[in-house]
PDB file of N, CA and C in Angstrom:
ATOM      1  N   MET A   1      -5.036  64.501-113.229  1.00  0.00           N
ATOM      2  CA  MET A   1      -5.222  63.653-112.249  1.00  0.00           C
ATOM      3  C   MET A   1      -5.990  62.588-112.238  1.00  0.00           C
ATOM      4  N   VAL A   2      -7.332  62.977-112.504  1.00  0.00           N
ATOM      5  CA  VAL A   2      -8.349  62.340-112.987  1.00  0.00           C
ATOM      6  C   VAL A   2      -8.112  61.074-114.143  1.00  0.00           C
ATOM      7  N   HIS A   3      -7.661  61.426-115.135  1.00  0.00           N
ATOM      8  CA  HIS A   3      -6.654  60.294-115.684  1.00  0.00           C
ATOM      9  C   HIS A   3      -6.157  59.121-115.321  1.00  0.00           C
ATOM     10  N   LEU A   4      -5.125  59.470-114.306  1.00  0.00           N
ATOM     11  CA  LEU A   4      -4.288  58.954-113.918  1.00  0.00           C
ATOM     12  C   LEU A   4      -5.132  57.986-113.140  1.00  0.00           C
ATOM     13  N   SER A   5      -6.086  58.298-112.331  1.00  0.00           N
ATOM     14  CA  SER A   5      -6.560  57.312-111.506  1.00  0.00           C
ATOM     15  C   SER A   5      -7.461  56.528-112.206  1.00  0.00           C
ATOM     16  N   VAL A   6      -8.425  56.867-113.569  1.00  0.00           N
ATOM     17  CA  VAL A   6      -8.785  56.014-114.058  1.00  0.00           C
ATOM     18  C   VAL A   6      -8.122  55.055-115.068  1.00  0.00           C
ATOM     19  N   ALA A   7      -7.169  54.922-115.252  1.00  0.00           N
ATOM     20  CA  ALA A   7      -6.245  54.355-115.871  1.00  0.00           C
ATOM     21  C   ALA A   7      -5.584  53.233-114.782  1.00  0.00           C
ATOM     22  N   ILE A   8      -5.330  54.019-113.675  1.00  0.00           N
ATOM     23  CA  ILE A   8      -4.736  52.820-112.138  1.00  0.00           C
ATOM     24  C   ILE A   8      -5.967  51.732-111.997  1.00  0.00           C
ATOM     25  N   GLY A   9      -7.290  51.999-112.127  1.00  0.00           N
ATOM     26  CA  GLY A   9      -8.492  51.640-111.761  1.00  0.00           C
ATOM     27  C   GLY A   9      -9.166  50.559-113.149  1.00  0.00           C
ATOM     28  N   ARG A  10      -8.465  50.881-114.209  1.00  0.00           N
ATOM     29  CA  ARG A  10      -8.539  50.157-115.020  1.00  0.00           C
ATOM     30  C   ARG A  10      -7.583  48.525-115.106  1.00  0.00           C
ATOM     31  N   PHE A  11      -6.348  49.221-114.692  1.00  0.00           N
ATOM     32  CA  PHE A  11      -5.487  48.201-114.531  1.00  0.00           C
ATOM     33  C   PHE A  11      -5.378  47.361-113.632  1.00  0.00           C
ATOM     34  N   PHE A  12      -6.010  47.359-112.346  1.00  0.00           N
ATOM     35  CA  PHE A  12      -6.384  46.616-111.378  1.00  0.00           C
ATOM     36  C   PHE A  12      -7.668  46.048-112.152  1.00  0.00           C
ATOM     37  N   GLU A  13      -8.672  46.531-112.320  1.00  0.00           N
ATOM     38  CA  GLU A  13      -9.321  45.837-112.564  1.00  0.00           C
ATOM     39  C   GLU A  13      -9.310  44.577-114.040  1.00  0.00           C
ATOM     40  N   ALA A  14      -8.174  44.816-114.642  1.00  0.00           N
ATOM     41  CA  ALA A  14      -8.495  43.712-115.767  1.00  0.00           C
ATOM     42  C   ALA A  14      -7.333  42.911-115.065  1.00  0.00           C
ATOM     43  N   LEU A  15      -6.449  43.499-114.109  1.00  0.00           N
ATOM     44  CA  LEU A  15      -5.501  42.320-113.708  1.00  0.00           C
ATOM     45  C   LEU A  15      -6.327  41.543-112.495  1.00  0.00           C
ATOM     46  N   LEU A  16      -7.823  41.772-111.869  1.00  0.00           N
ATOM     47  CA  LEU A  16      -8.684  41.003-111.390  1.00  0.00           C
ATOM     48  C   LEU A  16      -8.757  40.065-112.255  1.00  0.00           C
ATOM     49  N   TRP A  17      -9.400  40.385-113.159  1.00  0.00           N
ATOM     50  CA  TRP A  17      -9.870  39.612-114.181  1.00  0.00           C
ATOM     51  C   TRP A  17      -9.384  38.369-114.710  1.00  0.00           C
ATOM     52  N   ALA A  18      -8.260  38.731-114.982  1.00  0.00           N
ATOM     53  CA  ALA A  18      -7.253  37.868-115.593  1.00  0.00           C
ATOM     54  C   ALA A  18      -7.127  36.974-114.549  1.00  0.00           C
ATOM     55  N   LEU A  19      -6.756  37.384-113.123  1.00  0.00           N
ATOM     56  CA  LEU A  19      -6.506  36.519-111.867  1.00  0.00           C
ATOM     57  C   LEU A  19      -7.362  35.670-111.765  1.00  0.00           C
ATOM     58  N   ALA A  20      -8.830  36.189-111.775  1.00  0.00           N
ATOM     59  CA  ALA A  20     -10.210  35.334-112.203  1.00  0.00           C
ATOM     60  C   ALA A  20     -10.121  34.566-113.252  1.00  0.00           C
ATOM     61  N   ARG A  21      -9.826  34.478-114.392  1.00  0.00           N
ATOM     62  CA  ARG A  21      -9.927  33.799-115.244  1.00  0.00           C
ATOM     63  C   ARG A  21      -8.789  32.713-114.996  1.00  0.00           C
ATOM     64  N   GLY A  22      -7.573  32.831-114.696  1.00  0.00           N
ATOM     65  CA  GLY A  22      -6.844  32.031-114.126  1.00  0.00           C
ATOM     66  C   GLY A  22      -7.243  30.793-112.817  1.00  0.00           C
ATOM     67  N   VAL A  23      -7.963  31.509-111.963  1.00  0.00           N
ATOM     68  CA  VAL A  23      -8.536  30.302-111.153  1.00  0.00           C
ATOM     69  C   VAL A  23      -9.636  29.660-111.596  1.00  0.00           C
ATOM     70  N   GLY A  24     -10.231  30.111-112.476  1.00  0.00           N
ATOM     71  CA  GLY A  24     -11.408  29.749-112.709  1.00  0.00           C
ATOM     72  C   GLY A  24     -10.896  28.300-114.068  1.00  0.00           C
ATOM     73  N   MET A  25      -9.888  28.652-114.349  1.00  0.00           N
ATOM     74  CA  MET A  25      -9.460  27.793-115.444  1.00  0.00           C
ATOM     75  C   MET A  25      -8.728  26.309-115.034  1.00  0.00           C
ATOM     76  N   MET A  26      -8.225  26.852-113.807  1.00  0.00           N
ATOM     77  CA  MET A  26      -7.458  25.846-112.863  1.00  0.00           C
ATOM     78  C   MET A  26      -8.427  25.151-112.390  1.00  0.00           C
ATOM     79  N   ALA A  27      -9.519  25.333-111.580  1.00  0.00           N
ATOM     80  CA  ALA A  27     -10.417  25.064-110.941  1.00  0.00           C
ATOM     81  C   ALA A  27     -11.280  24.056-111.729  1.00  0.00           C
ATOM     82  N   GLY A  28     -11.292  24.333-113.466  1.00  0.00           N
ATOM     83  CA  GLY A  28     -11.956  23.276-113.872  1.00  0.00           C
ATOM     84  C   GLY A  28     -11.500  22.059-114.372  1.00  0.00           C
ATOM     85  N   TRP A  29      -9.717  22.462-114.559  1.00  0.00           N
ATOM     86  CA  TRP A  29      -9.049  21.053-114.921  1.00  0.00           C
ATOM     87  C   TRP A  29      -9.206  20.286-113.939  1.00  0.00           C
ATOM     88  N   ALA A  30      -8.893  20.792-112.649  1.00  0.00           N
ATOM     89  CA  ALA A  30      -8.987  20.210-111.140  1.00  0.00           C
ATOM     90  C   ALA A  30     -10.012  19.227-111.031  1.00  0.00           C
ATOM     91  N   LEU A  31     -11.615  19.816-111.438  1.00  0.00           N
ATOM     92  CA  LEU A  31     -12.913  19.165-111.832  1.00  0.00           C
ATOM     93  C   LEU A  31     -12.798  17.985-112.684  1.00  0.00           C
ATOM     94  N   LEU A  32     -12.039  18.422-113.799  1.00  0.00           N
ATOM     95  CA  LEU A  32     -11.912  17.256-114.775  1.00  0.00           C
ATOM     96  C   LEU A  32     -10.951  16.270-114.840  1.00  0.00           C
ATOM     97  N   ALA A  33      -9.929  16.618-114.086  1.00  0.00           N
ATOM     98  CA  ALA A  33      -9.276  15.555-113.719  1.00  0.00           C
ATOM     99  C   ALA A  33     -10.015  14.520-112.364  1.00  0.00           C
ATOM    100  N   VAL A  34     -10.563  15.345-111.545  1.00  0.00           N
ATOM    101  CA  VAL A  34     -11.515  14.576-110.715  1.00  0.00           C
ATOM    102  C   VAL A  34     -12.622  13.437-111.338  1.00  0.00           C
ATOM    103  N   VAL A  35     -13.004  14.111-112.521  1.00  0.00           N
ATOM    104  CA  VAL A  35     -14.170  13.388-112.789  1.00  0.00           C
ATOM    105  C   VAL A  35     -13.001  12.326-113.638  1.00  0.00           C
ATOM    106  N   ALA A  36     -12.433  12.878-114.386  1.00  0.00           N
ATOM    107  CA  ALA A  36     -11.418  11.304-115.214  1.00  0.00           C
ATOM    108  C   ALA A  36     -10.838  10.343-114.183  1.00  0.00           C
ATOM    109  N   VAL A  37     -10.263  10.594-112.960  1.00  0.00           N
ATOM    110  CA  VAL A  37      -9.417   9.476-111.847  1.00  0.00           C
ATOM    111  C   VAL A  37     -11.070   8.829-111.576  1.00  0.00           C
ATOM    112  N   ALA A  38     -12.144   9.264-111.371  1.00  0.00           N
ATOM    113  CA  ALA A  38     -13.743   8.533-110.827  1.00  0.00           C
ATOM    114  C   ALA A  38     -13.941   7.744-111.783  1.00  0.00           C
ATOM    115  N   VAL A  39     -14.237   8.211-113.178  1.00  0.00           N
ATOM    116  CA  VAL A  39     -14.056   7.226-114.230  1.00  0.00           C
ATOM    117  C   VAL A  39     -13.454   5.823-114.143  1.00  0.00           C
ATOM    118  N   VAL A  40     -12.106   6.223-114.242  1.00  0.00           N
ATOM    119  CA  VAL A  40     -10.628   5.391-114.356  1.00  0.00           C
ATOM    120  C   VAL A  40     -11.415   4.402-113.105  1.00  0.00           C
ATOM    121  N   VAL A  41     -11.661   4.662-112.204  1.00  0.00           N
ATOM    122  CA  VAL A  41     -11.688   3.873-110.792  1.00  0.00           C
ATOM    123  C   VAL A  41     -12.818   2.910-111.001  1.00  0.00           C
ATOM    124  N   ALA A  42     -13.776   3.354-111.507  1.00  0.00           N
ATOM    125  CA  ALA A  42     -14.869   2.574-111.976  1.00  0.00           C
ATOM    126  C   ALA A  42     -14.912   1.591-112.503  1.00  0.00           C
ATOM    127  N   VAL A  43     -14.164   1.585-114.038  1.00  0.00           N
ATOM    128  CA  VAL A  43     -14.040   0.679-115.162  1.00  0.00           C
ATOM    129  C   VAL A  43     -13.064  -0.159-114.343  1.00  0.00           C
ATOM    130  N   VAL A  44     -12.140   0.556-113.677  1.00  0.00           N
ATOM    131  CA  VAL A  44     -11.212  -1.105-112.839  1.00  0.00           C
ATOM    132  C   VAL A  44     -11.467  -1.466-112.103  1.00  0.00           C
ATOM    133  N   ARG A  45     -12.598  -1.183-111.210  1.00  0.00           N
ATOM    134  CA  ARG A  45     -13.563  -1.896-110.565  1.00  0.00           C
ATOM    135  C   ARG A  45     -14.439  -3.281-111.155  1.00  0.00           C
ATOM    136  N   ARG A  46     -14.772  -2.739-112.416  1.00  0.00           N
ATOM    137  CA  ARG A  46     -15.738  -3.277-113.042  1.00  0.00           C
ATOM    138  C   ARG A  46     -15.167  -4.335-113.432  1.00  0.00           C
ATOM    139  N   VAL A  47     -14.117  -4.605-114.501  1.00  0.00           N
ATOM    140  CA  VAL A  47     -13.131  -5.473-114.893  1.00  0.00           C
ATOM    141  C   VAL A  47     -12.564  -6.181-113.545  1.00  0.00           C
ATOM    142  N   LEU A  48     -12.361  -5.853-112.745  1.00  0.00           N
ATOM    143  CA  LEU A  48     -11.447  -6.909-111.364  1.00  0.00           C
ATOM    144  C   LEU A  48     -12.755  -7.610-111.003  1.00  0.00           C
ATOM    145  N   ARG A  49     -14.238  -7.076-110.981  1.00  0.00           N
ATOM    146  CA  ARG A  49     -15.085  -7.781-110.286  1.00  0.00           C
ATOM    147  C   ARG A  49     -15.470  -8.886-111.253  1.00  0.00           C
ATOM    148  N   ARG A  50     -15.544  -8.498-112.588  1.00  0.00           N
ATOM    149  CA  ARG A  50     -15.794 -10.142-113.862  1.00  0.00           C
ATOM    150  C   ARG A  50     -14.852 -10.847-113.621  1.00  0.00           C
ATOM    151  N   ARG A  51     -13.730 -10.861-113.207  1.00  0.00           N
ATOM    152  CA  ARG A  51     -12.678 -11.928-113.028  1.00  0.00           C
ATOM    153  C   ARG A  51     -13.137 -13.170-111.933  1.00  0.00           C
TER     154      ARG A  51
END
């Protein structure tokens, strides 16, 4: 019975870490997208300001 309890605990720990990795990756991509949009907006403003 102890082995089953340990196996279930390890399964949920692995599930938690996989979920945390997925959320972290999505947050990283979202942050990268925000930075990319900010750079594009800055470049467009500079180009339009020169005209």
